[in-house]
Structure formats: C-alpha cells, structure tokens
Amino acid sequence: MQHLHLEKYLVDILSEHPQGLSEYQLIGILQQPPYEVFDKTALSETLTLFQCHFVLFHSLYQLRAQGLRAKQYDLQIFATNIKFLPYVSEGVGLAAVDKLQNYYLDWQNFAVTTEQDVETLLSQFWYAMTGGKKNLSIDDAVLSKITEAYKAFELPMDSKMSVVKSTYLHLQHRHHPDKGGDKKRSQQLEAQFQLIKDYLRQ
C-alpha cells in the first residue's frame, strides 16, 4: 500500500489548503483522481482502515522530518487538522511526538498488525479511557471526540493527567490570543482538555 509519490501529493494538496484538512478529508482527496492512492473501499473494514491511516501518517511524519531537518517548515499532524506550520527551533510536546513518529516510521508495525490486533488496540484504549469499566456505554460521537482530543494533544492514550495538563498549558501558551495565537484554536484546546479530564475522572 506504500505509494512512491504520496509525499509529493501531500505537499501539493496541503499547499493548496493552508488552513489544513482533517485526516478524513485528506484521505477522501487521495481516493479521487488524479491521485487514487487509496482504494475507495479502504475505510470500510477495520484492518484496511488502519492500513490506510498508517500509510498516510507514515508519509506525513516522513514529510515532517524532512522539513525539520532542513529547518524549512513543521507539519501539524492531528486527525482533525493537518497543515504546514512555520519552522521553530523548539517544538511543543516533542517526546510525545517522537513516540508517535517512531511508531509510524517503522514499517514493521504495519506489516505485523492484524485485524484482531486492531480490535484489541481499540478495546484496550476504551477500557483504559473508561477506568476499567468494560461494559460502560459511551456514545460513538463522544468516543470520536476523545480520540481526536488525544491526537490533538499528541499524547498516547495512557498519559497521566499531569502530562495532559502540562501539554495543555504549553499548547495554550502557544495558541492563546493574548500570546498572538488563534482564539478559535485556544477554545478548541480548552474543550478538548475538559473532555479528557472528565473521562479520566470516571
């Protein structure tokens, strides 16, 4: 499923959308001509969905690494928003980013992951998120928002509250309007932080 021209396509697409695209939007574009990197049924099954996600994020982290090495640009990689950023010498949450980057840049993780593995990973995630309450019923929309919140904070699912709070404060320092940041992004971070707090309390 690896595509030789995917990184070039990503540069072209993201350059045309400086405001950013969600992962879903980006995959949708890559499913259409003239790209057709992913099959139109790629998101219909658990395993192929994971593989599609992995290939995309592998290329995104490759692209990000290239930009940072060249000191030319950074790349914001959230499920909700993927876009180019200006290069800065010191990033936020680098340890968490490095963990994600190392995971997605290792093709062994793509090769060995089965559908059962994906289902198990999802089960473990939501078991942890609900404080070990296996039968707790959570609305799918809420689950999706929790997932997006963790991805937005670039943190693994087992992060302690202290780490979540520290990352939130760093991100707010970067994005708060009083610091010259974007008000909408700051409000989104606050809502995501509250969502994670609520679920970690359960």
N, C-alpha and C. Protein backbone atom coordinates (compact mmCIF):
# COMPACT_ATOMS: atom_id res chain seq x y z
N MET A 1 0.82 -1.21 0.00
CA MET A 1 0.00 0.00 0.00
C MET A 1 0.86 1.27 0.00
N GLN A 2 2.16 1.14 0.26
CA GLN A 2 3.04 2.30 0.24
C GLN A 2 3.08 2.88 -1.17
N HIS A 3 3.02 4.19 -1.29
CA HIS A 3 2.96 4.83 -2.60
C HIS A 3 4.16 5.75 -2.77
N LEU A 4 4.89 5.56 -3.87
CA LEU A 4 6.13 6.29 -4.11
C LEU A 4 5.93 7.80 -4.20
N HIS A 5 4.78 8.24 -4.69
CA HIS A 5 4.55 9.66 -4.92
C HIS A 5 3.69 10.32 -3.84
N LEU A 6 3.38 9.59 -2.78
CA LEU A 6 2.44 10.12 -1.79
C LEU A 6 2.95 11.40 -1.14
N GLU A 7 4.21 11.45 -0.79
CA GLU A 7 4.74 12.65 -0.14
C GLU A 7 4.62 13.88 -1.05
N LYS A 8 4.89 13.70 -2.33
CA LYS A 8 4.74 14.81 -3.28
C LYS A 8 3.29 15.24 -3.36
N TYR A 9 2.39 14.27 -3.40
CA TYR A 9 0.96 14.58 -3.44
C TYR A 9 0.55 15.37 -2.20
N LEU A 10 1.07 14.95 -1.05
CA LEU A 10 0.72 15.63 0.20
C LEU A 10 1.19 17.08 0.19
N VAL A 11 2.38 17.31 -0.33
CA VAL A 11 2.89 18.68 -0.43
C VAL A 11 1.96 19.52 -1.30
N ASP A 12 1.58 18.97 -2.43
CA ASP A 12 0.70 19.69 -3.36
C ASP A 12 -0.65 20.00 -2.72
N ILE A 13 -1.25 18.99 -2.10
CA ILE A 13 -2.59 19.14 -1.53
C ILE A 13 -2.59 20.09 -0.34
N LEU A 14 -1.64 19.90 0.59
CA LEU A 14 -1.60 20.74 1.78
C LEU A 14 -1.21 22.18 1.44
N SER A 15 -0.43 22.36 0.39
CA SER A 15 -0.07 23.71 -0.05
C SER A 15 -1.30 24.45 -0.59
N GLU A 16 -2.23 23.68 -1.16
CA GLU A 16 -3.46 24.26 -1.68
C GLU A 16 -4.49 24.51 -0.59
N HIS A 17 -4.26 23.94 0.60
CA HIS A 17 -5.19 24.11 1.73
C HIS A 17 -4.41 24.57 2.96
N PRO A 18 -3.92 25.81 2.96
CA PRO A 18 -3.10 26.29 4.08
C PRO A 18 -3.83 26.29 5.42
N GLN A 19 -5.16 26.30 5.39
CA GLN A 19 -5.93 26.26 6.63
C GLN A 19 -5.95 24.86 7.23
N GLY A 20 -5.53 23.87 6.44
CA GLY A 20 -5.46 22.49 6.92
C GLY A 20 -6.65 21.65 6.50
N LEU A 21 -6.47 20.35 6.59
CA LEU A 21 -7.50 19.37 6.28
C LEU A 21 -7.54 18.32 7.37
N SER A 22 -8.70 17.75 7.60
CA SER A 22 -8.78 16.63 8.53
C SER A 22 -8.23 15.38 7.84
N GLU A 23 -7.92 14.38 8.63
CA GLU A 23 -7.43 13.12 8.05
C GLU A 23 -8.47 12.56 7.08
N TYR A 24 -9.72 12.61 7.47
CA TYR A 24 -10.80 12.08 6.62
C TYR A 24 -10.86 12.83 5.29
N GLN A 25 -10.77 14.15 5.35
CA GLN A 25 -10.80 14.95 4.12
C GLN A 25 -9.60 14.63 3.22
N LEU A 26 -8.45 14.49 3.84
CA LEU A 26 -7.23 14.22 3.08
C LEU A 26 -7.30 12.85 2.40
N ILE A 27 -7.77 11.86 3.12
CA ILE A 27 -7.93 10.53 2.53
C ILE A 27 -8.92 10.58 1.38
N GLY A 28 -10.01 11.33 1.57
CA GLY A 28 -11.02 11.46 0.53
C GLY A 28 -10.44 12.03 -0.76
N ILE A 29 -9.58 13.04 -0.62
CA ILE A 29 -8.93 13.63 -1.80
C ILE A 29 -8.00 12.62 -2.46
N LEU A 30 -7.27 11.87 -1.64
CA LEU A 30 -6.30 10.90 -2.16
C LEU A 30 -6.97 9.67 -2.77
N GLN A 31 -8.26 9.51 -2.52
CA GLN A 31 -9.01 8.41 -3.14
C GLN A 31 -9.49 8.79 -4.54
N GLN A 32 -9.47 10.08 -4.84
CA GLN A 32 -10.03 10.57 -6.10
C GLN A 32 -8.93 10.83 -7.14
N PRO A 33 -9.31 10.88 -8.44
CA PRO A 33 -8.36 11.29 -9.47
C PRO A 33 -7.92 12.73 -9.19
N PRO A 34 -6.70 13.11 -9.50
CA PRO A 34 -5.70 12.32 -10.24
C PRO A 34 -4.81 11.47 -9.36
N TYR A 35 -5.10 11.41 -8.04
CA TYR A 35 -4.20 10.72 -7.12
C TYR A 35 -4.49 9.22 -7.04
N GLU A 36 -5.67 8.87 -6.56
CA GLU A 36 -6.11 7.48 -6.43
C GLU A 36 -5.07 6.60 -5.72
N VAL A 37 -4.55 7.14 -4.62
CA VAL A 37 -3.58 6.40 -3.82
C VAL A 37 -4.27 5.29 -3.03
N PHE A 38 -5.44 5.60 -2.49
CA PHE A 38 -6.19 4.64 -1.69
C PHE A 38 -7.44 4.18 -2.42
N ASP A 39 -7.76 2.91 -2.25
CA ASP A 39 -8.98 2.36 -2.83
C ASP A 39 -10.20 3.02 -2.18
N LYS A 40 -11.27 3.15 -2.93
CA LYS A 40 -12.47 3.82 -2.41
C LYS A 40 -13.16 3.03 -1.30
N THR A 41 -12.79 1.76 -1.15
CA THR A 41 -13.37 0.94 -0.07
C THR A 41 -12.40 0.79 1.10
N ALA A 42 -11.32 1.56 1.09
CA ALA A 42 -10.26 1.40 2.10
C ALA A 42 -10.73 1.62 3.53
N LEU A 43 -11.77 2.43 3.70
CA LEU A 43 -12.24 2.75 5.05
C LEU A 43 -13.40 1.88 5.50
N SER A 44 -13.73 0.88 4.71
CA SER A 44 -14.91 0.08 5.01
C SER A 44 -14.65 -1.07 5.97
N GLU A 45 -13.40 -1.48 6.13
CA GLU A 45 -13.05 -2.58 7.02
C GLU A 45 -12.02 -2.12 8.05
N THR A 46 -12.05 -2.74 9.22
CA THR A 46 -11.17 -2.33 10.31
C THR A 46 -9.70 -2.36 9.92
N LEU A 47 -9.25 -3.47 9.34
CA LEU A 47 -7.83 -3.61 9.02
C LEU A 47 -7.40 -2.66 7.91
N THR A 48 -8.18 -2.58 6.84
CA THR A 48 -7.80 -1.69 5.73
C THR A 48 -7.86 -0.22 6.16
N LEU A 49 -8.77 0.09 7.07
CA LEU A 49 -8.83 1.45 7.61
C LEU A 49 -7.54 1.76 8.35
N PHE A 50 -7.10 0.82 9.19
CA PHE A 50 -5.85 1.00 9.93
C PHE A 50 -4.67 1.16 8.97
N GLN A 51 -4.63 0.31 7.94
CA GLN A 51 -3.52 0.35 6.99
C GLN A 51 -3.49 1.67 6.22
N CYS A 52 -4.66 2.14 5.84
CA CYS A 52 -4.77 3.42 5.15
C CYS A 52 -4.26 4.55 6.05
N HIS A 53 -4.71 4.53 7.29
CA HIS A 53 -4.28 5.52 8.29
C HIS A 53 -2.77 5.45 8.48
N PHE A 54 -2.23 4.24 8.59
CA PHE A 54 -0.80 4.07 8.85
C PHE A 54 0.03 4.61 7.69
N VAL A 55 -0.35 4.26 6.47
CA VAL A 55 0.39 4.72 5.29
C VAL A 55 0.39 6.24 5.21
N LEU A 56 -0.77 6.84 5.46
CA LEU A 56 -0.86 8.30 5.42
C LEU A 56 0.03 8.94 6.47
N PHE A 57 -0.07 8.45 7.71
CA PHE A 57 0.70 9.05 8.79
C PHE A 57 2.20 8.77 8.64
N HIS A 58 2.54 7.62 8.07
CA HIS A 58 3.95 7.33 7.77
C HIS A 58 4.51 8.42 6.85
N SER A 59 3.80 8.72 5.79
CA SER A 59 4.25 9.73 4.83
C SER A 59 4.25 11.13 5.45
N LEU A 60 3.26 11.42 6.28
CA LEU A 60 3.20 12.73 6.93
C LEU A 60 4.39 12.93 7.87
N TYR A 61 4.73 11.90 8.64
CA TYR A 61 5.86 12.03 9.55
C TYR A 61 7.19 12.05 8.80
N GLN A 62 7.25 11.37 7.66
CA GLN A 62 8.43 11.47 6.80
C GLN A 62 8.60 12.91 6.32
N LEU A 63 7.49 13.47 5.88
CA LEU A 63 7.48 14.84 5.37
C LEU A 63 7.86 15.83 6.47
N ARG A 64 7.33 15.60 7.66
CA ARG A 64 7.65 16.47 8.80
C ARG A 64 9.14 16.40 9.13
N ALA A 65 9.67 15.19 9.16
CA ALA A 65 11.09 15.01 9.48
C ALA A 65 11.99 15.72 8.47
N GLN A 66 11.60 15.66 7.20
CA GLN A 66 12.38 16.33 6.15
C GLN A 66 12.39 17.84 6.37
N GLY A 67 11.23 18.39 6.70
CA GLY A 67 11.13 19.83 6.92
C GLY A 67 11.93 20.29 8.12
N LEU A 68 11.90 19.50 9.20
CA LEU A 68 12.64 19.87 10.41
C LEU A 68 14.14 19.74 10.20
N ARG A 69 14.56 18.69 9.48
CA ARG A 69 15.99 18.54 9.20
C ARG A 69 16.52 19.71 8.37
N ALA A 70 15.72 20.13 7.41
CA ALA A 70 16.13 21.24 6.54
C ALA A 70 15.87 22.61 7.18
N LYS A 71 15.21 22.60 8.35
CA LYS A 71 14.85 23.84 9.06
C LYS A 71 14.03 24.76 8.17
N GLN A 72 13.10 24.15 7.43
CA GLN A 72 12.28 24.90 6.49
C GLN A 72 10.82 25.03 6.93
N TYR A 73 10.29 23.99 7.55
CA TYR A 73 8.88 24.01 7.95
C TYR A 73 8.62 22.92 8.99
N ASP A 74 7.48 23.03 9.64
CA ASP A 74 6.98 21.97 10.52
C ASP A 74 5.65 21.50 9.93
N LEU A 75 5.14 20.43 10.46
CA LEU A 75 3.87 19.91 9.97
C LEU A 75 3.00 19.54 11.16
N GLN A 76 1.83 20.14 11.25
CA GLN A 76 0.87 19.78 12.29
C GLN A 76 0.15 18.53 11.85
N ILE A 77 0.21 17.48 12.68
CA ILE A 77 -0.39 16.20 12.31
C ILE A 77 -1.41 15.80 13.37
N PHE A 78 -2.62 16.29 13.24
CA PHE A 78 -3.74 15.92 14.08
C PHE A 78 -4.79 15.27 13.18
N ALA A 79 -5.57 14.36 13.73
CA ALA A 79 -6.63 13.75 12.93
C ALA A 79 -7.62 14.81 12.46
N THR A 80 -7.79 15.84 13.28
CA THR A 80 -8.76 16.89 12.96
C THR A 80 -8.20 17.98 12.06
N ASN A 81 -6.89 18.12 12.03
CA ASN A 81 -6.30 19.18 11.22
C ASN A 81 -4.84 18.89 10.91
N ILE A 82 -4.54 18.80 9.62
CA ILE A 82 -3.18 18.54 9.14
C ILE A 82 -2.79 19.71 8.26
N LYS A 83 -1.69 20.38 8.61
CA LYS A 83 -1.29 21.54 7.81
C LYS A 83 0.18 21.87 8.04
N PHE A 84 0.74 22.64 7.10
CA PHE A 84 2.10 23.12 7.25
C PHE A 84 2.15 24.23 8.29
N LEU A 85 3.25 24.26 9.05
CA LEU A 85 3.50 25.31 10.04
C LEU A 85 4.88 25.90 9.79
N PRO A 86 5.10 27.14 10.21
CA PRO A 86 6.44 27.71 10.11
C PRO A 86 7.42 26.92 10.98
N TYR A 87 8.65 26.86 10.58
CA TYR A 87 9.66 26.16 11.37
C TYR A 87 10.00 26.97 12.62
N VAL A 88 10.03 26.29 13.76
CA VAL A 88 10.50 26.89 15.01
C VAL A 88 11.53 25.95 15.60
N SER A 89 12.54 26.51 16.26
CA SER A 89 13.66 25.70 16.74
C SER A 89 13.27 24.78 17.88
N GLU A 90 12.27 25.18 18.68
CA GLU A 90 11.85 24.37 19.81
C GLU A 90 10.37 24.08 19.69
N GLY A 91 10.03 22.78 19.59
CA GLY A 91 8.64 22.38 19.45
C GLY A 91 7.98 22.12 20.78
N VAL A 92 6.68 21.85 20.76
CA VAL A 92 5.90 21.56 21.96
C VAL A 92 5.61 20.07 22.01
N GLY A 93 5.80 19.47 23.18
CA GLY A 93 5.47 18.06 23.34
C GLY A 93 6.31 17.15 22.46
N LEU A 94 7.61 17.43 22.35
CA LEU A 94 8.46 16.69 21.43
C LEU A 94 8.56 15.22 21.78
N ALA A 95 8.59 14.89 23.08
CA ALA A 95 8.70 13.49 23.47
C ALA A 95 7.52 12.69 22.97
N ALA A 96 6.32 13.26 23.12
CA ALA A 96 5.12 12.57 22.65
C ALA A 96 5.12 12.44 21.14
N VAL A 97 5.56 13.52 20.46
CA VAL A 97 5.62 13.49 19.00
C VAL A 97 6.59 12.42 18.54
N ASP A 98 7.75 12.34 19.20
CA ASP A 98 8.77 11.37 18.82
C ASP A 98 8.26 9.95 18.95
N LYS A 99 7.47 9.67 19.98
CA LYS A 99 6.90 8.33 20.16
C LYS A 99 5.99 7.98 18.99
N LEU A 100 5.13 8.91 18.63
CA LEU A 100 4.23 8.69 17.50
C LEU A 100 5.02 8.56 16.21
N GLN A 101 6.00 9.43 16.04
CA GLN A 101 6.80 9.41 14.82
C GLN A 101 7.54 8.08 14.68
N ASN A 102 8.14 7.62 15.77
CA ASN A 102 8.87 6.35 15.73
C ASN A 102 7.95 5.20 15.38
N TYR A 103 6.73 5.25 15.89
CA TYR A 103 5.76 4.18 15.61
C TYR A 103 5.41 4.16 14.13
N TYR A 104 5.05 5.31 13.59
CA TYR A 104 4.57 5.36 12.20
C TYR A 104 5.70 5.21 11.18
N LEU A 105 6.92 5.49 11.56
CA LEU A 105 8.02 5.34 10.61
C LEU A 105 8.58 3.92 10.58
N ASP A 106 8.11 3.08 11.46
CA ASP A 106 8.54 1.68 11.50
C ASP A 106 7.55 0.81 10.73
N TRP A 107 7.92 0.39 9.52
CA TRP A 107 7.02 -0.40 8.68
C TRP A 107 6.69 -1.76 9.28
N GLN A 108 7.49 -2.20 10.24
CA GLN A 108 7.20 -3.47 10.90
C GLN A 108 5.84 -3.40 11.59
N ASN A 109 5.50 -2.24 12.13
CA ASN A 109 4.20 -2.07 12.78
C ASN A 109 3.05 -2.24 11.80
N PHE A 110 3.28 -1.83 10.56
CA PHE A 110 2.27 -2.02 9.51
C PHE A 110 2.17 -3.49 9.14
N ALA A 111 3.32 -4.13 8.99
CA ALA A 111 3.36 -5.50 8.47
C ALA A 111 2.78 -6.53 9.44
N VAL A 112 3.01 -6.32 10.73
CA VAL A 112 2.63 -7.36 11.69
C VAL A 112 1.24 -7.16 12.29
N THR A 113 0.62 -6.03 12.05
CA THR A 113 -0.68 -5.74 12.66
C THR A 113 -1.81 -6.42 11.91
N THR A 114 -2.55 -7.26 12.62
CA THR A 114 -3.69 -7.97 12.04
C THR A 114 -4.99 -7.28 12.44
N GLU A 115 -6.09 -7.72 11.85
CA GLU A 115 -7.39 -7.14 12.21
C GLU A 115 -7.69 -7.35 13.68
N GLN A 116 -7.32 -8.53 14.20
CA GLN A 116 -7.54 -8.81 15.62
C GLN A 116 -6.72 -7.86 16.49
N ASP A 117 -5.50 -7.56 16.04
CA ASP A 117 -4.65 -6.62 16.77
C ASP A 117 -5.31 -5.25 16.84
N VAL A 118 -5.87 -4.81 15.71
CA VAL A 118 -6.52 -3.51 15.66
C VAL A 118 -7.71 -3.48 16.62
N GLU A 119 -8.52 -4.53 16.60
CA GLU A 119 -9.67 -4.62 17.50
C GLU A 119 -9.21 -4.60 18.96
N THR A 120 -8.12 -5.32 19.24
CA THR A 120 -7.59 -5.38 20.60
C THR A 120 -7.09 -4.01 21.05
N LEU A 121 -6.38 -3.32 20.17
CA LEU A 121 -5.89 -1.99 20.49
C LEU A 121 -7.03 -1.03 20.81
N LEU A 122 -8.09 -1.11 20.02
CA LEU A 122 -9.26 -0.26 20.26
C LEU A 122 -9.92 -0.60 21.59
N SER A 123 -10.02 -1.89 21.88
CA SER A 123 -10.63 -2.34 23.13
C SER A 123 -9.81 -1.87 24.33
N GLN A 124 -8.48 -2.01 24.23
CA GLN A 124 -7.60 -1.59 25.31
C GLN A 124 -7.70 -0.08 25.54
N PHE A 125 -7.79 0.65 24.43
CA PHE A 125 -7.89 2.10 24.54
C PHE A 125 -9.12 2.50 25.31
N TRP A 126 -10.28 1.95 24.92
CA TRP A 126 -11.52 2.37 25.57
C TRP A 126 -11.67 1.77 26.96
N TYR A 127 -11.02 0.63 27.21
CA TYR A 127 -11.00 0.08 28.57
C TYR A 127 -10.24 1.03 29.49
N ALA A 128 -9.11 1.53 29.01
CA ALA A 128 -8.32 2.47 29.79
C ALA A 128 -9.06 3.79 29.98
N MET A 129 -9.71 4.24 28.91
CA MET A 129 -10.41 5.52 28.96
C MET A 129 -11.60 5.52 29.90
N THR A 130 -12.18 4.35 30.13
CA THR A 130 -13.36 4.27 31.00
C THR A 130 -13.01 3.75 32.38
N GLY A 131 -11.73 3.82 32.75
CA GLY A 131 -11.32 3.42 34.08
C GLY A 131 -11.52 1.95 34.38
N GLY A 132 -11.43 1.11 33.37
CA GLY A 132 -11.56 -0.32 33.56
C GLY A 132 -12.99 -0.82 33.57
N LYS A 133 -13.94 0.04 33.20
CA LYS A 133 -15.34 -0.36 33.17
C LYS A 133 -15.68 -0.90 31.79
N LYS A 134 -15.51 -2.18 31.63
CA LYS A 134 -15.64 -2.80 30.31
C LYS A 134 -17.01 -2.60 29.68
N ASN A 135 -18.03 -2.56 30.49
CA ASN A 135 -19.39 -2.52 29.95
C ASN A 135 -19.98 -1.11 29.91
N LEU A 136 -19.15 -0.13 30.21
CA LEU A 136 -19.65 1.24 30.19
C LEU A 136 -20.04 1.63 28.77
N SER A 137 -21.25 2.14 28.64
CA SER A 137 -21.74 2.53 27.32
C SER A 137 -21.38 3.98 27.04
N ILE A 138 -20.71 4.21 25.92
CA ILE A 138 -20.31 5.55 25.53
C ILE A 138 -20.79 5.81 24.11
N ASP A 139 -21.37 6.96 23.91
CA ASP A 139 -21.85 7.32 22.59
C ASP A 139 -20.68 7.39 21.60
N ASP A 140 -20.90 6.89 20.39
CA ASP A 140 -19.84 6.87 19.38
C ASP A 140 -19.29 8.26 19.10
N ALA A 141 -20.15 9.24 19.10
CA ALA A 141 -19.71 10.61 18.83
C ALA A 141 -18.75 11.10 19.92
N VAL A 142 -19.04 10.72 21.17
CA VAL A 142 -18.17 11.10 22.28
C VAL A 142 -16.82 10.39 22.17
N LEU A 143 -16.87 9.10 21.82
CA LEU A 143 -15.63 8.34 21.65
C LEU A 143 -14.75 8.97 20.59
N SER A 144 -15.37 9.40 19.53
CA SER A 144 -14.63 10.03 18.44
C SER A 144 -13.97 11.32 18.92
N LYS A 145 -14.69 12.09 19.72
CA LYS A 145 -14.15 13.35 20.22
C LYS A 145 -12.99 13.12 21.19
N ILE A 146 -13.08 12.06 21.99
CA ILE A 146 -11.99 11.74 22.92
C ILE A 146 -10.74 11.36 22.14
N THR A 147 -10.93 10.54 21.12
CA THR A 147 -9.80 10.14 20.27
C THR A 147 -9.15 11.37 19.65
N GLU A 148 -9.96 12.26 19.12
CA GLU A 148 -9.45 13.48 18.49
C GLU A 148 -8.71 14.36 19.50
N ALA A 149 -9.22 14.39 20.74
CA ALA A 149 -8.58 15.21 21.77
C ALA A 149 -7.17 14.71 22.08
N TYR A 150 -7.03 13.39 22.22
CA TYR A 150 -5.70 12.84 22.49
C TYR A 150 -4.76 13.07 21.31
N LYS A 151 -5.27 12.93 20.11
CA LYS A 151 -4.43 13.17 18.93
C LYS A 151 -4.04 14.64 18.83
N ALA A 152 -4.97 15.52 19.18
CA ALA A 152 -4.69 16.95 19.14
C ALA A 152 -3.58 17.32 20.13
N PHE A 153 -3.56 16.62 21.27
CA PHE A 153 -2.54 16.87 22.28
C PHE A 153 -1.26 16.09 21.98
N GLU A 154 -1.31 15.24 20.94
CA GLU A 154 -0.18 14.41 20.53
C GLU A 154 0.33 13.57 21.70
N LEU A 155 -0.63 12.96 22.41
CA LEU A 155 -0.30 12.15 23.57
C LEU A 155 -0.83 10.73 23.40
N PRO A 156 -0.10 9.75 23.95
CA PRO A 156 -0.61 8.37 23.93
C PRO A 156 -1.78 8.23 24.87
N MET A 157 -2.57 7.18 24.69
CA MET A 157 -3.82 7.03 25.43
C MET A 157 -3.62 6.79 26.92
N ASP A 158 -2.41 6.34 27.34
CA ASP A 158 -2.19 6.04 28.75
C ASP A 158 -1.49 7.19 29.48
N SER A 159 -1.52 8.37 28.91
CA SER A 159 -0.86 9.53 29.54
C SER A 159 -1.52 9.88 30.87
N LYS A 160 -0.70 10.24 31.84
CA LYS A 160 -1.21 10.66 33.14
C LYS A 160 -1.81 12.06 33.03
N MET A 161 -2.69 12.36 33.98
CA MET A 161 -3.35 13.66 33.97
C MET A 161 -2.34 14.80 34.06
N SER A 162 -1.27 14.59 34.81
CA SER A 162 -0.25 15.63 34.95
C SER A 162 0.40 15.95 33.60
N VAL A 163 0.60 14.91 32.78
CA VAL A 163 1.19 15.10 31.45
C VAL A 163 0.21 15.82 30.53
N VAL A 164 -1.07 15.41 30.62
CA VAL A 164 -2.11 16.04 29.81
C VAL A 164 -2.19 17.53 30.15
N LYS A 165 -2.19 17.83 31.45
CA LYS A 165 -2.30 19.23 31.88
C LYS A 165 -1.09 20.04 31.43
N SER A 166 0.10 19.47 31.57
CA SER A 166 1.32 20.17 31.16
C SER A 166 1.31 20.46 29.66
N THR A 167 0.89 19.47 28.88
CA THR A 167 0.81 19.65 27.42
C THR A 167 -0.22 20.71 27.07
N TYR A 168 -1.35 20.67 27.76
CA TYR A 168 -2.41 21.66 27.53
C TYR A 168 -1.89 23.08 27.78
N LEU A 169 -1.18 23.27 28.89
CA LEU A 169 -0.67 24.60 29.22
C LEU A 169 0.35 25.08 28.19
N HIS A 170 1.19 24.16 27.72
CA HIS A 170 2.17 24.51 26.68
C HIS A 170 1.46 24.93 25.40
N LEU A 171 0.43 24.16 25.03
CA LEU A 171 -0.30 24.47 23.80
C LEU A 171 -1.06 25.78 23.92
N GLN A 172 -1.63 26.02 25.10
CA GLN A 172 -2.34 27.28 25.31
C GLN A 172 -1.38 28.47 25.26
N HIS A 173 -0.19 28.27 25.78
CA HIS A 173 0.81 29.33 25.74
C HIS A 173 1.14 29.69 24.29
N ARG A 174 1.09 28.68 23.45
CA ARG A 174 1.42 28.89 22.03
C ARG A 174 0.24 29.48 21.25
N HIS A 175 -0.98 29.07 21.61
CA HIS A 175 -2.13 29.43 20.78
C HIS A 175 -3.06 30.48 21.40
N HIS A 176 -2.85 30.86 22.66
CA HIS A 176 -3.77 31.80 23.30
C HIS A 176 -3.72 33.16 22.60
N PRO A 177 -4.90 33.80 22.42
CA PRO A 177 -4.96 35.11 21.75
C PRO A 177 -4.06 36.16 22.39
N ASP A 178 -3.91 36.10 23.72
CA ASP A 178 -3.06 37.07 24.41
C ASP A 178 -1.59 36.92 24.02
N LYS A 179 -1.26 35.75 23.47
CA LYS A 179 0.11 35.49 23.03
C LYS A 179 0.23 35.61 21.51
N GLY A 180 -0.81 36.16 20.90
CA GLY A 180 -0.79 36.31 19.45
C GLY A 180 -1.31 35.10 18.70
N GLY A 181 -1.93 34.17 19.44
CA GLY A 181 -2.45 32.96 18.81
C GLY A 181 -3.87 33.11 18.30
N ASP A 182 -4.45 31.98 17.95
CA ASP A 182 -5.79 31.95 17.36
C ASP A 182 -6.83 31.65 18.44
N LYS A 183 -7.83 32.51 18.56
CA LYS A 183 -8.85 32.36 19.60
C LYS A 183 -9.63 31.06 19.45
N LYS A 184 -10.00 30.72 18.22
CA LYS A 184 -10.76 29.50 17.97
C LYS A 184 -9.98 28.27 18.38
N ARG A 185 -8.69 28.24 18.03
CA ARG A 185 -7.84 27.10 18.39
C ARG A 185 -7.69 27.00 19.90
N SER A 186 -7.55 28.13 20.56
CA SER A 186 -7.43 28.16 22.02
C SER A 186 -8.68 27.60 22.68
N GLN A 187 -9.84 27.98 22.18
CA GLN A 187 -11.11 27.48 22.73
C GLN A 187 -11.26 25.99 22.48
N GLN A 188 -10.80 25.53 21.31
CA GLN A 188 -10.87 24.11 20.99
C GLN A 188 -9.99 23.31 21.94
N LEU A 189 -8.80 23.82 22.24
CA LEU A 189 -7.90 23.15 23.17
C LEU A 189 -8.53 23.05 24.56
N GLU A 190 -9.18 24.12 24.98
CA GLU A 190 -9.83 24.13 26.29
C GLU A 190 -10.93 23.08 26.37
N ALA A 191 -11.73 22.98 25.31
CA ALA A 191 -12.80 21.99 25.27
C ALA A 191 -12.24 20.57 25.26
N GLN A 192 -11.16 20.35 24.52
CA GLN A 192 -10.55 19.02 24.45
C GLN A 192 -9.94 18.63 25.79
N PHE A 193 -9.33 19.60 26.45
CA PHE A 193 -8.75 19.34 27.77
C PHE A 193 -9.83 18.96 28.76
N GLN A 194 -10.95 19.66 28.74
CA GLN A 194 -12.06 19.36 29.64
C GLN A 194 -12.63 17.97 29.36
N LEU A 195 -12.70 17.61 28.09
CA LEU A 195 -13.22 16.29 27.71
C LEU A 195 -12.33 15.18 28.27
N ILE A 196 -11.02 15.34 28.13
CA ILE A 196 -10.09 14.33 28.66
C ILE A 196 -10.19 14.27 30.18
N LYS A 197 -10.27 15.42 30.83
CA LYS A 197 -10.39 15.45 32.29
C LYS A 197 -11.62 14.69 32.77
N ASP A 198 -12.74 14.94 32.11
CA ASP A 198 -14.00 14.30 32.51
C ASP A 198 -13.90 12.78 32.43
N TYR A 199 -13.25 12.28 31.39
CA TYR A 199 -13.18 10.83 31.22
C TYR A 199 -12.13 10.18 32.10
N LEU A 200 -11.09 10.90 32.43
CA LEU A 200 -10.09 10.34 33.33
C LEU A 200 -10.60 10.28 34.76
N ARG A 201 -11.62 11.07 35.06
CA ARG A 201 -12.21 11.07 36.41
C ARG A 201 -13.13 9.88 36.64
N GLN A 202 -13.60 9.26 35.55
CA GLN A 202 -14.57 8.16 35.68
C GLN A 202 -13.91 6.91 36.23
